[in-house]
Every structure is written in structure tokens, then in C-alpha cells.
Amino acid sequence: MSLDYYFIFGLVLAILCVPAIISAYSENRTPRFSAIMVVIAGGLMAYAASNKPGGYELGEIPELFVTVVGQIIR
């Protein structure tokens, strides 16, 4: 798998964990599972960013997202 896949999977996972964290806090529960998933997502993104020469820039993330989704669909 390409490093781009790791980065995008981590990004999507981190975004999907935000509602779960907010829901847990609003119901006075500890967000254990969500916190673990955020750590995993951060690890995926950090692994991809540290192993790609030059890393990722903020401006290239939308194009990267479209490219990865296009490769998955195709």
C-alpha cells in the first residue's frame, strides 16, 4: 500500500472519530474507543508523513484525497 493510502485512511478515521468523542462527552461517558481510534489515526498519518520525502503540505491534501478515492473506486 502506498503512503498516500495510509495518510488518507488516517485522516478519514480521525474525522469520523470527532462525532463519537462529542457524543461520549455529551452523555458523560469516557471516550475510550474514540480516543484509541484517534491515536491509531494519528499514527497512520504520522507514519505516512515521516516516510514520504518532503512530507505532505496542506494544499495537496484535497488532490491527494481525490486521487486515492479514484484509485480505490477504479
Protein backbone atom coordinates (compact mmCIF):
# COMPACT_ATOMS: atom_id res chain seq x y z
CA MET A 1 0.00 0.00 0.00
CA SER A 2 1.16 3.47 -0.81
CA LEU A 3 1.90 6.00 1.89
CA ASP A 4 -0.90 8.12 0.43
CA TYR A 5 -3.40 5.43 1.40
CA TYR A 6 -2.15 5.39 4.98
CA PHE A 7 -2.40 9.16 5.23
CA ILE A 8 -5.93 9.35 3.79
CA PHE A 9 -7.20 6.39 5.86
CA GLY A 10 -5.82 8.05 8.98
CA LEU A 11 -7.37 11.38 8.05
CA VAL A 12 -10.80 9.87 7.38
CA LEU A 13 -10.62 7.85 10.60
CA ALA A 14 -9.73 10.94 12.62
CA ILE A 15 -12.60 12.91 11.10
CA LEU A 16 -15.07 10.11 11.80
CA CYS A 17 -13.98 9.92 15.45
CA VAL A 18 -14.88 13.53 16.20
CA PRO A 19 -18.67 12.94 16.43
CA ALA A 20 -18.08 9.89 18.60
CA ILE A 21 -15.96 11.91 21.02
CA ILE A 22 -18.53 14.70 21.19
CA SER A 23 -21.30 12.15 21.75
CA ALA A 24 -19.41 10.47 24.56
CA TYR A 25 -18.75 13.75 26.33
CA SER A 26 -22.37 14.88 25.97
CA GLU A 27 -23.57 11.64 27.58
CA ASN A 28 -20.98 11.88 30.39
CA ARG A 29 -19.11 8.79 29.22
CA THR A 30 -15.40 8.42 28.73
CA PRO A 31 -14.50 8.26 25.03
CA ARG A 32 -12.19 5.24 25.34
CA PHE A 33 -12.79 3.67 21.94
CA SER A 34 -12.77 7.02 20.19
CA ALA A 35 -9.53 8.02 21.87
CA ILE A 36 -7.89 4.76 20.78
CA MET A 37 -9.09 5.33 17.22
CA VAL A 38 -7.71 8.89 17.21
CA VAL A 39 -4.33 7.56 18.35
CA ILE A 40 -4.38 4.95 15.56
CA ALA A 41 -5.38 7.62 13.03
CA GLY A 42 -2.61 9.91 14.22
CA GLY A 43 -0.14 7.05 13.98
CA LEU A 44 -1.16 6.30 10.40
CA MET A 45 -0.81 9.94 9.38
CA ALA A 46 2.49 10.36 11.23
CA TYR A 47 3.90 7.19 9.65
CA ALA A 48 2.95 8.35 6.17
CA ALA A 49 4.22 11.89 6.68
CA SER A 50 7.53 10.79 8.18
CA ASN A 51 8.30 8.25 5.46
CA LYS A 52 7.38 10.40 2.46
CA PRO A 53 10.29 12.56 1.30
CA GLY A 54 9.28 16.17 1.86
CA GLY A 55 6.15 15.18 3.79
CA TYR A 56 2.67 16.43 2.95
CA GLU A 57 1.61 20.03 2.51
CA LEU A 58 -1.81 21.28 3.50
CA GLY A 59 -2.60 22.41 -0.04
CA GLU A 60 -2.04 19.00 -1.59
CA ILE A 61 -4.40 17.07 0.71
CA PRO A 62 -7.61 17.65 -1.35
CA GLU A 63 -5.92 16.47 -4.55
CA LEU A 64 -4.41 13.54 -2.69
CA PHE A 65 -7.84 12.61 -1.33
CA VAL A 66 -9.42 12.65 -4.79
CA THR A 67 -6.53 10.63 -6.22
CA VAL A 68 -6.76 7.92 -3.56
CA VAL A 69 -10.56 7.67 -3.75
CA GLY A 70 -10.31 7.49 -7.54
CA GLN A 71 -7.79 4.67 -7.32
CA ILE A 72 -9.99 2.76 -4.86
CA ILE A 73 -13.11 3.14 -7.00
CA ARG A 74 -11.34 2.24 -10.22
